[in-house]
């Protein structure tokens, strides 16, 4: 199922910035669900550069996407390295990340991040 999603996304032509951003979010969440950390981290970095260079986005939009990508990267690394933490320690780290996400003012897709943190 996830490979079908990724395959379909490869054939999408981007004519609109919002369409591209939403498609990239879908791709990011798919890599996350597949636990493909390497592809996910690569996409996060590519997406981060795209946001920085995009001249059609407002500063506020860029901040929201940058915050999302920063938190998504932290979440992916926590989940990837989860076997190195005790269950209690991992829960504490996820709770701390969840709190940081909740208290940061401008975060795109906040609810998805919080859901994945277990909040």
PDB file of N, CA and C in Angstrom:
ATOM      1  N   UNK A   1       0.822  -1.182   0.000  1.00  0.00           N
ATOM      2  CA  UNK A   1       0.000   0.000   0.000  1.00  0.00           C
ATOM      3  C   UNK A   1       0.876   1.259   0.000  1.00  0.00           C
ATOM      4  N   UNK A   2       1.844   1.356   0.923  1.00  0.00           N
ATOM      5  CA  UNK A   2       2.692   2.540   0.988  1.00  0.00           C
ATOM      6  C   UNK A   2       3.538   2.690  -0.272  1.00  0.00           C
ATOM      7  N   UNK A   3       3.997   1.586  -0.808  1.00  0.00           N
ATOM      8  CA  UNK A   3       4.800   1.678  -2.032  1.00  0.00           C
ATOM      9  C   UNK A   3       3.955   2.191  -3.197  1.00  0.00           C
ATOM     10  N   UNK A   4       2.659   1.874  -3.194  1.00  0.00           N
ATOM     11  CA  UNK A   4       1.754   2.403  -4.221  1.00  0.00           C
ATOM     12  C   UNK A   4       1.629   3.922  -4.107  1.00  0.00           C
ATOM     13  N   UNK A   5       1.563   4.401  -2.861  1.00  0.00           N
ATOM     14  CA  UNK A   5       1.474   5.848  -2.625  1.00  0.00           C
ATOM     15  C   UNK A   5       2.718   6.531  -3.169  1.00  0.00           C
ATOM     16  N   UNK A   6       3.878   6.005  -2.806  1.00  0.00           N
ATOM     17  CA  UNK A   6       5.135   6.616  -3.255  1.00  0.00           C
ATOM     18  C   UNK A   6       5.271   6.563  -4.767  1.00  0.00           C
ATOM     19  N   UNK A   7       4.867   5.467  -5.363  1.00  0.00           N
ATOM     20  CA  UNK A   7       4.925   5.327  -6.812  1.00  0.00           C
ATOM     21  C   UNK A   7       4.032   6.366  -7.493  1.00  0.00           C
ATOM     22  N   UNK A   8       2.844   6.553  -6.972  1.00  0.00           N
ATOM     23  CA  UNK A   8       1.922   7.532  -7.545  1.00  0.00           C
ATOM     24  C   UNK A   8       2.459   8.949  -7.387  1.00  0.00           C
ATOM     25  N   UNK A   9       3.084   9.235  -6.263  1.00  0.00           N
ATOM     26  CA  UNK A   9       3.610  10.575  -6.018  1.00  0.00           C
ATOM     27  C   UNK A   9       4.758  10.931  -6.961  1.00  0.00           C
ATOM     28  N   UNK A  10       5.465   9.946  -7.446  1.00  0.00           N
ATOM     29  CA  UNK A  10       6.572  10.206  -8.369  1.00  0.00           C
ATOM     30  C   UNK A  10       6.091  10.750  -9.710  1.00  0.00           C
ATOM     31  N   UNK A  11       4.833  10.503 -10.041  1.00  0.00           N
ATOM     32  CA  UNK A  11       4.294  10.907 -11.336  1.00  0.00           C
ATOM     33  C   UNK A  11       3.506  12.215 -11.291  1.00  0.00           C
ATOM     34  N   UNK A  12       3.478  12.847 -10.118  1.00  0.00           N
ATOM     35  CA  UNK A  12       2.705  14.074  -9.959  1.00  0.00           C
ATOM     36  C   UNK A  12       3.481  15.257 -10.521  1.00  0.00           C
ATOM     37  N   UNK A  13       2.799  16.083 -11.307  1.00  0.00           N
ATOM     38  CA  UNK A  13       3.367  17.325 -11.832  1.00  0.00           C
ATOM     39  C   UNK A  13       2.904  18.462 -10.930  1.00  0.00           C
ATOM     40  N   UNK A  14       3.848  19.257 -10.438  1.00  0.00           N
ATOM     41  CA  UNK A  14       3.508  20.332  -9.515  1.00  0.00           C
ATOM     42  C   UNK A  14       3.300  21.636 -10.270  1.00  0.00           C
ATOM     43  N   UNK A  15       2.070  22.132 -10.236  1.00  0.00           N
ATOM     44  CA  UNK A  15       1.750  23.391 -10.893  1.00  0.00           C
ATOM     45  C   UNK A  15       1.477  24.485  -9.872  1.00  0.00           C
ATOM     46  N   UNK A  16       1.379  24.117  -8.622  1.00  0.00           N
ATOM     47  CA  UNK A  16       1.033  25.053  -7.561  1.00  0.00           C
ATOM     48  C   UNK A  16       1.877  24.755  -6.334  1.00  0.00           C
ATOM     49  N   UNK A  17       2.331  25.791  -5.632  1.00  0.00           N
ATOM     50  CA  UNK A  17       3.170  25.618  -4.451  1.00  0.00           C
ATOM     51  C   UNK A  17       2.447  24.822  -3.371  1.00  0.00           C
ATOM     52  N   UNK A  18       1.197  25.157  -3.105  1.00  0.00           N
ATOM     53  CA  UNK A  18       0.434  24.458  -2.056  1.00  0.00           C
ATOM     54  C   UNK A  18       0.257  22.974  -2.400  1.00  0.00           C
ATOM     55  N   UNK A  19       0.039  22.693  -3.660  1.00  0.00           N
ATOM     56  CA  UNK A  19      -0.104  21.314  -4.113  1.00  0.00           C
ATOM     57  C   UNK A  19       1.202  20.555  -3.871  1.00  0.00           C
ATOM     58  N   UNK A  20       2.316  21.194  -4.167  1.00  0.00           N
ATOM     59  CA  UNK A  20       3.619  20.583  -3.943  1.00  0.00           C
ATOM     60  C   UNK A  20       3.865  20.345  -2.451  1.00  0.00           C
ATOM     61  N   UNK A  21       3.536  21.319  -1.622  1.00  0.00           N
ATOM     62  CA  UNK A  21       3.732  21.191  -0.183  1.00  0.00           C
ATOM     63  C   UNK A  21       2.893  20.056   0.394  1.00  0.00           C
ATOM     64  N   UNK A  22       1.631  19.989  -0.005  1.00  0.00           N
ATOM     65  CA  UNK A  22       0.745  18.931   0.498  1.00  0.00           C
ATOM     66  C   UNK A  22       1.193  17.554   0.032  1.00  0.00           C
ATOM     67  N   UNK A  23       1.655  17.463  -1.186  1.00  0.00           N
ATOM     68  CA  UNK A  23       2.150  16.187  -1.706  1.00  0.00           C
ATOM     69  C   UNK A  23       3.405  15.760  -0.954  1.00  0.00           C
ATOM     70  N   UNK A  24       4.256  16.717  -0.655  1.00  0.00           N
ATOM     71  CA  UNK A  24       5.469  16.400   0.096  1.00  0.00           C
ATOM     72  C   UNK A  24       5.135  15.945   1.506  1.00  0.00           C
ATOM     73  N   UNK A  25       4.120  16.563   2.134  1.00  0.00           N
ATOM     74  CA  UNK A  25       3.671  16.099   3.450  1.00  0.00           C
ATOM     75  C   UNK A  25       3.202  14.653   3.384  1.00  0.00           C
ATOM     76  N   UNK A  26       2.448  14.330   2.351  1.00  0.00           N
ATOM     77  CA  UNK A  26       1.966  12.958   2.189  1.00  0.00           C
ATOM     78  C   UNK A  26       3.144  11.994   2.033  1.00  0.00           C
ATOM     79  N   UNK A  27       4.107  12.378   1.251  1.00  0.00           N
ATOM     80  CA  UNK A  27       5.294  11.548   1.044  1.00  0.00           C
ATOM     81  C   UNK A  27       6.061  11.394   2.363  1.00  0.00           C
ATOM     82  N   UNK A  28       6.206  12.475   3.090  1.00  0.00           N
ATOM     83  CA  UNK A  28       6.906  12.443   4.374  1.00  0.00           C
ATOM     84  C   UNK A  28       6.206  11.503   5.358  1.00  0.00           C
ATOM     85  N   UNK A  29       4.897  11.627   5.458  1.00  0.00           N
ATOM     86  CA  UNK A  29       4.155  10.758   6.382  1.00  0.00           C
ATOM     87  C   UNK A  29       4.222   9.295   5.944  1.00  0.00           C
ATOM     88  N   UNK A  30       4.305   9.064   4.645  1.00  0.00           N
ATOM     89  CA  UNK A  30       4.416   7.699   4.140  1.00  0.00           C
ATOM     90  C   UNK A  30       5.757   7.086   4.527  1.00  0.00           C
ATOM     91  N   UNK A  31       6.834   7.823   4.319  1.00  0.00           N
ATOM     92  CA  UNK A  31       8.151   7.331   4.745  1.00  0.00           C
ATOM     93  C   UNK A  31       8.176   7.073   6.245  1.00  0.00           C
ATOM     94  N   UNK A  32       7.544   7.952   7.001  1.00  0.00           N
ATOM     95  CA  UNK A  32       7.495   7.786   8.449  1.00  0.00           C
ATOM     96  C   UNK A  32       6.757   6.498   8.815  1.00  0.00           C
ATOM     97  N   UNK A  33       5.610   6.273   8.192  1.00  0.00           N
ATOM     98  CA  UNK A  33       4.815   5.073   8.468  1.00  0.00           C
ATOM     99  C   UNK A  33       5.558   3.803   8.071  1.00  0.00           C
ATOM    100  N   UNK A  34       6.359   3.904   7.003  1.00  0.00           N
ATOM    101  CA  UNK A  34       7.139   2.748   6.549  1.00  0.00           C
ATOM    102  C   UNK A  34       8.412   2.554   7.383  1.00  0.00           C
ATOM    103  N   UNK A  35       8.677   3.500   8.265  1.00  0.00           N
ATOM    104  CA  UNK A  35       9.886   3.495   9.102  1.00  0.00           C
ATOM    105  C   UNK A  35      11.157   3.522   8.258  1.00  0.00           C
ATOM    106  N   UNK A  36      11.091   4.222   7.145  1.00  0.00           N
ATOM    107  CA  UNK A  36      12.242   4.395   6.260  1.00  0.00           C
ATOM    108  C   UNK A  36      12.935   5.700   6.664  1.00  0.00           C
ATOM    109  N   UNK A  37      13.696   5.637   7.745  1.00  0.00           N
ATOM    110  CA  UNK A  37      14.296   6.824   8.350  1.00  0.00           C
ATOM    111  C   UNK A  37      15.252   7.533   7.407  1.00  0.00           C
ATOM    112  N   UNK A  38      16.040   6.793   6.671  1.00  0.00           N
ATOM    113  CA  UNK A  38      17.004   7.412   5.759  1.00  0.00           C
ATOM    114  C   UNK A  38      16.299   8.250   4.691  1.00  0.00           C
ATOM    115  N   UNK A  39      15.288   7.691   4.066  1.00  0.00           N
ATOM    116  CA  UNK A  39      14.529   8.423   3.043  1.00  0.00           C
ATOM    117  C   UNK A  39      13.791   9.606   3.676  1.00  0.00           C
ATOM    118  N   UNK A  40      13.260   9.402   4.872  1.00  0.00           N
ATOM    119  CA  UNK A  40      12.535  10.459   5.573  1.00  0.00           C
ATOM    120  C   UNK A  40      13.450  11.640   5.885  1.00  0.00           C
ATOM    121  N   UNK A  41      14.625  11.365   6.437  1.00  0.00           N
ATOM    122  CA  UNK A  41      15.556  12.447   6.777  1.00  0.00           C
ATOM    123  C   UNK A  41      16.043  13.177   5.529  1.00  0.00           C
ATOM    124  N   UNK A  42      16.244  12.437   4.464  1.00  0.00           N
ATOM    125  CA  UNK A  42      16.645  13.048   3.205  1.00  0.00           C
ATOM    126  C   UNK A  42      15.539  13.966   2.681  1.00  0.00           C
ATOM    127  N   UNK A  43      14.294  13.503   2.723  1.00  0.00           N
ATOM    128  CA  UNK A  43      13.170  14.309   2.275  1.00  0.00           C
ATOM    129  C   UNK A  43      13.008  15.553   3.151  1.00  0.00           C
ATOM    130  N   UNK A  44      13.170  15.408   4.448  1.00  0.00           N
ATOM    131  CA  UNK A  44      13.066  16.556   5.354  1.00  0.00           C
ATOM    132  C   UNK A  44      14.090  17.627   4.979  1.00  0.00           C
ATOM    133  N   UNK A  45      15.311  17.213   4.708  1.00  0.00           N
ATOM    134  CA  UNK A  45      16.355  18.176   4.352  1.00  0.00           C
ATOM    135  C   UNK A  45      16.059  18.827   3.001  1.00  0.00           C
ATOM    136  N   UNK A  46      15.634  18.049   2.036  1.00  0.00           N
ATOM    137  CA  UNK A  46      15.284  18.588   0.725  1.00  0.00           C
ATOM    138  C   UNK A  46      14.110  19.557   0.839  1.00  0.00           C
ATOM    139  N   UNK A  47      13.120  19.183   1.622  1.00  0.00           N
ATOM    140  CA  UNK A  47      11.938  20.014   1.839  1.00  0.00           C
ATOM    141  C   UNK A  47      12.331  21.312   2.548  1.00  0.00           C
ATOM    142  N   UNK A  48      13.236  21.229   3.513  1.00  0.00           N
ATOM    143  CA  UNK A  48      13.706  22.404   4.249  1.00  0.00           C
ATOM    144  C   UNK A  48      14.348  23.419   3.292  1.00  0.00           C
ATOM    145  N   UNK A  49      15.182  22.928   2.412  1.00  0.00           N
ATOM    146  CA  UNK A  49      15.847  23.805   1.436  1.00  0.00           C
ATOM    147  C   UNK A  49      14.817  24.407   0.479  1.00  0.00           C
ATOM    148  N   UNK A  50      13.846  23.594   0.054  1.00  0.00           N
ATOM    149  CA  UNK A  50      12.775  24.092  -0.824  1.00  0.00           C
ATOM    150  C   UNK A  50      12.033  25.249  -0.157  1.00  0.00           C
ATOM    151  N   UNK A  51      11.702  25.097   1.114  1.00  0.00           N
ATOM    152  CA  UNK A  51      10.977  26.138   1.846  1.00  0.00           C
ATOM    153  C   UNK A  51      11.823  27.407   1.946  1.00  0.00           C
ATOM    154  N   UNK A  52      13.085  27.261   2.270  1.00  0.00           N
ATOM    155  CA  UNK A  52      13.968  28.422   2.401  1.00  0.00           C
ATOM    156  C   UNK A  52      14.062  29.190   1.083  1.00  0.00           C
ATOM    157  N   UNK A  53      14.175  28.482  -0.019  1.00  0.00           N
ATOM    158  CA  UNK A  53      14.385  29.112  -1.326  1.00  0.00           C
ATOM    159  C   UNK A  53      13.104  29.600  -1.997  1.00  0.00           C
ATOM    160  N   UNK A  54      11.970  29.135  -1.534  1.00  0.00           N
ATOM    161  CA  UNK A  54      10.707  29.470  -2.193  1.00  0.00           C
ATOM    162  C   UNK A  54      10.361  30.941  -1.984  1.00  0.00           C
ATOM    163  N   UNK A  55      10.149  31.652  -3.065  1.00  0.00           N
ATOM    164  CA  UNK A  55       9.854  33.085  -3.000  1.00  0.00           C
ATOM    165  C   UNK A  55       8.364  33.381  -3.026  1.00  0.00           C
ATOM    166  N   UNK A  56       7.559  32.354  -3.183  1.00  0.00           N
ATOM    167  CA  UNK A  56       6.109  32.557  -3.228  1.00  0.00           C
ATOM    168  C   UNK A  56       5.459  32.384  -1.858  1.00  0.00           C
ATOM    169  N   UNK A  57       6.242  31.953  -0.886  1.00  0.00           N
ATOM    170  CA  UNK A  57       5.722  31.747   0.466  1.00  0.00           C
ATOM    171  C   UNK A  57       6.031  32.965   1.328  1.00  0.00           C
ATOM    172  N   UNK A  58       5.121  33.264   2.244  1.00  0.00           N
ATOM    173  CA  UNK A  58       5.357  34.361   3.180  1.00  0.00           C
ATOM    174  C   UNK A  58       6.346  33.909   4.248  1.00  0.00           C
ATOM    175  N   UNK A  59       6.898  34.875   4.958  1.00  0.00           N
ATOM    176  CA  UNK A  59       7.823  34.567   6.057  1.00  0.00           C
ATOM    177  C   UNK A  59       7.122  33.725   7.114  1.00  0.00           C
ATOM    178  N   UNK A  60       5.865  34.032   7.391  1.00  0.00           N
ATOM    179  CA  UNK A  60       5.096  33.286   8.378  1.00  0.00           C
ATOM    180  C   UNK A  60       4.881  31.834   7.938  1.00  0.00           C
ATOM    181  N   UNK A  61       4.581  31.623   6.663  1.00  0.00           N
ATOM    182  CA  UNK A  61       4.419  30.261   6.138  1.00  0.00           C
ATOM    183  C   UNK A  61       5.741  29.500   6.241  1.00  0.00           C
ATOM    184  N   UNK A  62       6.820  30.154   5.864  1.00  0.00           N
ATOM    185  CA  UNK A  62       8.139  29.509   5.938  1.00  0.00           C
ATOM    186  C   UNK A  62       8.466  29.100   7.366  1.00  0.00           C
ATOM    187  N   UNK A  63       8.137  29.952   8.331  1.00  0.00           N
ATOM    188  CA  UNK A  63       8.401  29.645   9.736  1.00  0.00           C
ATOM    189  C   UNK A  63       7.592  28.425  10.177  1.00  0.00           C
ATOM    190  N   UNK A  64       6.330  28.374   9.763  1.00  0.00           N
ATOM    191  CA  UNK A  64       5.470  27.240  10.122  1.00  0.00           C
ATOM    192  C   UNK A  64       5.986  25.929   9.563  1.00  0.00           C
ATOM    193  N   UNK A  65       6.408  25.945   8.306  1.00  0.00           N
ATOM    194  CA  UNK A  65       6.948  24.736   7.686  1.00  0.00           C
ATOM    195  C   UNK A  65       8.301  24.366   8.290  1.00  0.00           C
ATOM    196  N   UNK A  66       9.129  25.367   8.559  1.00  0.00           N
ATOM    197  CA  UNK A  66      10.440  25.094   9.169  1.00  0.00           C
ATOM    198  C   UNK A  66      10.292  24.477  10.549  1.00  0.00           C
ATOM    199  N   UNK A  67       9.345  24.994  11.332  1.00  0.00           N
ATOM    200  CA  UNK A  67       9.081  24.418  12.656  1.00  0.00           C
ATOM    201  C   UNK A  67       8.614  22.971  12.523  1.00  0.00           C
ATOM    202  N   UNK A  68       7.691  22.740  11.586  1.00  0.00           N
ATOM    203  CA  UNK A  68       7.223  21.372  11.369  1.00  0.00           C
ATOM    204  C   UNK A  68       8.388  20.438  11.037  1.00  0.00           C
ATOM    205  N   UNK A  69       9.238  20.844  10.114  1.00  0.00           N
ATOM    206  CA  UNK A  69      10.348  19.995   9.678  1.00  0.00           C
ATOM    207  C   UNK A  69      11.336  19.739  10.806  1.00  0.00           C
ATOM    208  N   UNK A  70      11.586  20.755  11.621  1.00  0.00           N
ATOM    209  CA  UNK A  70      12.492  20.582  12.764  1.00  0.00           C
ATOM    210  C   UNK A  70      11.927  19.536  13.733  1.00  0.00           C
ATOM    211  N   UNK A  71      10.643  19.644  14.037  1.00  0.00           N
ATOM    212  CA  UNK A  71      10.020  18.689  14.952  1.00  0.00           C
ATOM    213  C   UNK A  71       9.895  17.300  14.337  1.00  0.00           C
ATOM    214  N   UNK A  72       9.595  17.234  13.051  1.00  0.00           N
ATOM    215  CA  UNK A  72       9.485  15.941  12.367  1.00  0.00           C
ATOM    216  C   UNK A  72      10.828  15.214  12.399  1.00  0.00           C
ATOM    217  N   UNK A  73      11.908  15.951  12.218  1.00  0.00           N
ATOM    218  CA  UNK A  73      13.239  15.344  12.258  1.00  0.00           C
ATOM    219  C   UNK A  73      13.542  14.812  13.663  1.00  0.00           C
ATOM    220  N   UNK A  74      13.227  15.595  14.679  1.00  0.00           N
ATOM    221  CA  UNK A  74      13.450  15.141  16.062  1.00  0.00           C
ATOM    222  C   UNK A  74      12.622  13.895  16.361  1.00  0.00           C
ATOM    223  N   UNK A  75      11.375  13.906  15.921  1.00  0.00           N
ATOM    224  CA  UNK A  75      10.493  12.759  16.134  1.00  0.00           C
ATOM    225  C   UNK A  75      11.025  11.523  15.422  1.00  0.00           C
ATOM    226  N   UNK A  76      11.437  11.675  14.169  1.00  0.00           N
ATOM    227  CA  UNK A  76      11.955  10.541  13.395  1.00  0.00           C
ATOM    228  C   UNK A  76      13.201   9.956  14.052  1.00  0.00           C
ATOM    229  N   UNK A  77      14.080  10.825  14.525  1.00  0.00           N
ATOM    230  CA  UNK A  77      15.305  10.332  15.173  1.00  0.00           C
ATOM    231  C   UNK A  77      15.002   9.653  16.501  1.00  0.00           C
ATOM    232  N   UNK A  78      14.057  10.187  17.248  1.00  0.00           N
ATOM    233  CA  UNK A  78      13.654   9.535  18.502  1.00  0.00           C
ATOM    234  C   UNK A  78      13.087   8.147  18.235  1.00  0.00           C
ATOM    235  N   UNK A  79      12.193   8.060  17.276  1.00  0.00           N
ATOM    236  CA  UNK A  79      11.578   6.762  16.957  1.00  0.00           C
ATOM    237  C   UNK A  79      12.609   5.794  16.385  1.00  0.00           C
ATOM    238  N   UNK A  80      13.519   6.298  15.555  1.00  0.00           N
ATOM    239  CA  UNK A  80      14.553   5.452  14.961  1.00  0.00           C
ATOM    240  C   UNK A  80      15.481   4.875  16.031  1.00  0.00           C
ATOM    241  N   UNK A  81      15.788   5.684  17.033  1.00  0.00           N
ATOM    242  CA  UNK A  81      16.705   5.258  18.097  1.00  0.00           C
ATOM    243  C   UNK A  81      15.971   4.765  19.343  1.00  0.00           C
ATOM    244  N   UNK A  82      14.695   4.469  19.209  1.00  0.00           N
ATOM    245  CA  UNK A  82      13.883   4.108  20.371  1.00  0.00           C
ATOM    246  C   UNK A  82      14.413   2.889  21.120  1.00  0.00           C
ATOM    247  N   UNK A  83      15.075   1.986  20.428  1.00  0.00           N
ATOM    248  CA  UNK A  83      15.584   0.778  21.088  1.00  0.00           C
ATOM    249  C   UNK A  83      16.747   1.090  22.034  1.00  0.00           C
ATOM    250  N   UNK A  84      17.323   2.276  21.913  1.00  0.00           N
ATOM    251  CA  UNK A  84      18.448   2.637  22.788  1.00  0.00           C
ATOM    252  C   UNK A  84      17.972   3.278  24.093  1.00  0.00           C
ATOM    253  N   UNK A  85      16.671   3.539  24.211  1.00  0.00           N
ATOM    254  CA  UNK A  85      16.106   4.156  25.411  1.00  0.00           C
ATOM    255  C   UNK A  85      15.248   3.148  26.153  1.00  0.00           C
ATOM    256  N   UNK A  86      15.141   3.338  27.454  1.00  0.00           N
ATOM    257  CA  UNK A  86      14.161   2.563  28.205  1.00  0.00           C
ATOM    258  C   UNK A  86      12.784   3.099  27.824  1.00  0.00           C
ATOM    259  N   UNK A  87      11.748   2.327  28.082  1.00  0.00           N
ATOM    260  CA  UNK A  87      10.394   2.776  27.737  1.00  0.00           C
ATOM    261  C   UNK A  87      10.067   4.082  28.462  1.00  0.00           C
ATOM    262  N   UNK A  88      10.487   4.165  29.713  1.00  0.00           N
ATOM    263  CA  UNK A  88      10.220   5.366  30.500  1.00  0.00           C
ATOM    264  C   UNK A  88      10.953   6.569  29.914  1.00  0.00           C
ATOM    265  N   UNK A  89      12.201   6.378  29.576  1.00  0.00           N
ATOM    266  CA  UNK A  89      13.000   7.468  29.007  1.00  0.00           C
ATOM    267  C   UNK A  89      12.446   7.932  27.659  1.00  0.00           C
ATOM    268  N   UNK A  90      12.053   6.984  26.818  1.00  0.00           N
ATOM    269  CA  UNK A  90      11.474   7.331  25.522  1.00  0.00           C
ATOM    270  C   UNK A  90      10.179   8.110  25.712  1.00  0.00           C
ATOM    271  N   UNK A  91       9.347   7.655  26.634  1.00  0.00           N
ATOM    272  CA  UNK A  91       8.082   8.358  26.926  1.00  0.00           C
ATOM    273  C   UNK A  91       8.359   9.778  27.395  1.00  0.00           C
ATOM    274  N   UNK A  92       9.359   9.959  28.254  1.00  0.00           N
ATOM    275  CA  UNK A  92       9.705  11.291  28.740  1.00  0.00           C
ATOM    276  C   UNK A  92      10.175  12.192  27.596  1.00  0.00           C
ATOM    277  N   UNK A  93      10.991  11.650  26.709  1.00  0.00           N
ATOM    278  CA  UNK A  93      11.493  12.417  25.570  1.00  0.00           C
ATOM    279  C   UNK A  93      10.357  12.793  24.606  1.00  0.00           C
ATOM    280  N   UNK A  94       9.455  11.853  24.368  1.00  0.00           N
ATOM    281  CA  UNK A  94       8.311  12.136  23.503  1.00  0.00           C
ATOM    282  C   UNK A  94       7.369  13.154  24.144  1.00  0.00           C
ATOM    283  N   UNK A  95       7.195  13.059  25.465  1.00  0.00           N
ATOM    284  CA  UNK A  95       6.360  14.038  26.173  1.00  0.00           C
ATOM    285  C   UNK A  95       6.980  15.430  26.111  1.00  0.00           C
ATOM    286  N   UNK A  96       8.297  15.504  26.264  1.00  0.00           N
ATOM    287  CA  UNK A  96       8.991  16.795  26.187  1.00  0.00           C
ATOM    288  C   UNK A  96       8.863  17.386  24.777  1.00  0.00           C
ATOM    289  N   UNK A  97       9.009  16.538  23.769  1.00  0.00           N
ATOM    290  CA  UNK A  97       8.857  17.001  22.391  1.00  0.00           C
ATOM    291  C   UNK A  97       7.425  17.455  22.143  1.00  0.00           C
ATOM    292  N   UNK A  98       6.484  16.697  22.633  1.00  0.00           N
ATOM    293  CA  UNK A  98       5.067  17.047  22.491  1.00  0.00           C
ATOM    294  C   UNK A  98       4.786  18.411  23.134  1.00  0.00           C
ATOM    295  N   UNK A  99       5.338  18.635  24.315  1.00  0.00           N
ATOM    296  CA  UNK A  99       5.154  19.922  24.999  1.00  0.00           C
ATOM    297  C   UNK A  99       5.744  21.064  24.175  1.00  0.00           C
ATOM    298  N   UNK A 100       6.926  20.844  23.618  1.00  0.00           N
ATOM    299  CA  UNK A 100       7.585  21.868  22.799  1.00  0.00           C
ATOM    300  C   UNK A 100       6.741  22.178  21.549  1.00  0.00           C
ATOM    301  N   UNK A 101       6.181  21.131  20.940  1.00  0.00           N
ATOM    302  CA  UNK A 101       5.323  21.317  19.760  1.00  0.00           C
ATOM    303  C   UNK A 101       4.085  22.140  20.133  1.00  0.00           C
ATOM    304  N   UNK A 102       3.474  21.790  21.268  1.00  0.00           N
ATOM    305  CA  UNK A 102       2.266  22.495  21.709  1.00  0.00           C
ATOM    306  C   UNK A 102       2.530  23.964  22.020  1.00  0.00           C
ATOM    307  N   UNK A 103       3.696  24.274  22.565  1.00  0.00           N
ATOM    308  CA  UNK A 103       3.978  25.647  22.998  1.00  0.00           C
ATOM    309  C   UNK A 103       4.627  26.508  21.914  1.00  0.00           C
ATOM    310  N   UNK A 104       5.006  25.906  20.805  1.00  0.00           N
ATOM    311  CA  UNK A 104       5.561  26.683  19.693  1.00  0.00           C
ATOM    312  C   UNK A 104       4.399  27.285  18.921  1.00  0.00           C
ATOM    313  N   UNK A 105       4.503  28.575  18.630  1.00  0.00           N
ATOM    314  CA  UNK A 105       3.370  29.310  18.072  1.00  0.00           C
ATOM    315  C   UNK A 105       2.959  28.905  16.661  1.00  0.00           C
ATOM    316  N   UNK A 106       3.882  28.688  15.777  1.00  0.00           N
ATOM    317  CA  UNK A 106       3.540  28.481  14.367  1.00  0.00           C
ATOM    318  C   UNK A 106       4.109  27.148  13.889  1.00  0.00           C
ATOM    319  N   UNK A 107       3.264  26.128  13.885  1.00  0.00           N
ATOM    320  CA  UNK A 107       3.686  24.796  13.442  1.00  0.00           C
ATOM    321  C   UNK A 107       2.637  24.235  12.488  1.00  0.00           C
ATOM    322  N   UNK A 108       3.040  23.970  11.255  1.00  0.00           N
ATOM    323  CA  UNK A 108       2.150  23.350  10.278  1.00  0.00           C
ATOM    324  C   UNK A 108       2.000  21.866  10.649  1.00  0.00           C
ATOM    325  N   UNK A 109       0.820  21.315  10.486  1.00  0.00           N
ATOM    326  CA  UNK A 109       0.538  19.889  10.782  1.00  0.00           C
ATOM    327  C   UNK A 109       0.851  19.510  12.235  1.00  0.00           C
ATOM    328  N   UNK A 110       0.572  20.424  13.131  1.00  0.00           N
ATOM    329  CA  UNK A 110       0.819  20.216  14.566  1.00  0.00           C
ATOM    330  C   UNK A 110       0.127  18.947  15.079  1.00  0.00           C
ATOM    331  N   UNK A 111      -1.115  18.732  14.630  1.00  0.00           N
ATOM    332  CA  UNK A 111      -1.892  17.607  15.157  1.00  0.00           C
ATOM    333  C   UNK A 111      -1.283  16.261  14.777  1.00  0.00           C
ATOM    334  N   UNK A 112      -0.731  16.172  13.592  1.00  0.00           N
ATOM    335  CA  UNK A 112      -0.076  14.926  13.181  1.00  0.00           C
ATOM    336  C   UNK A 112       1.148  14.673  14.053  1.00  0.00           C
ATOM    337  N   UNK A 113       1.942  15.703  14.291  1.00  0.00           N
ATOM    338  CA  UNK A 113       3.130  15.559  15.137  1.00  0.00           C
ATOM    339  C   UNK A 113       2.734  15.119  16.551  1.00  0.00           C
ATOM    340  N   UNK A 114       1.732  15.756  17.105  1.00  0.00           N
ATOM    341  CA  UNK A 114       1.293  15.420  18.454  1.00  0.00           C
ATOM    342  C   UNK A 114       0.753  13.991  18.517  1.00  0.00           C
ATOM    343  N   UNK A 115       0.013  13.610  17.502  1.00  0.00           N
ATOM    344  CA  UNK A 115      -0.505  12.240  17.450  1.00  0.00           C
ATOM    345  C   UNK A 115       0.635  11.226  17.435  1.00  0.00           C
ATOM    346  N   UNK A 116       1.676  11.507  16.651  1.00  0.00           N
ATOM    347  CA  UNK A 116       2.805  10.587  16.558  1.00  0.00           C
ATOM    348  C   UNK A 116       3.658  10.583  17.820  1.00  0.00           C
ATOM    349  N   UNK A 117       3.597  11.667  18.588  1.00  0.00           N
ATOM    350  CA  UNK A 117       4.303  11.708  19.870  1.00  0.00           C
ATOM    351  C   UNK A 117       3.516  10.947  20.942  1.00  0.00           C
ATOM    352  N   UNK A 118       2.274  10.636  20.632  1.00  0.00           N
ATOM    353  CA  UNK A 118       1.443   9.907  21.577  1.00  0.00           C
ATOM    354  C   UNK A 118       0.657  10.824  22.498  1.00  0.00           C
ATOM    355  N   UNK A 119       0.575  12.090  22.131  1.00  0.00           N
ATOM    356  CA  UNK A 119      -0.146  13.068  22.971  1.00  0.00           C
ATOM    357  C   UNK A 119      -1.630  13.008  22.735  1.00  0.00           C
TER     358      UNK A 119
END
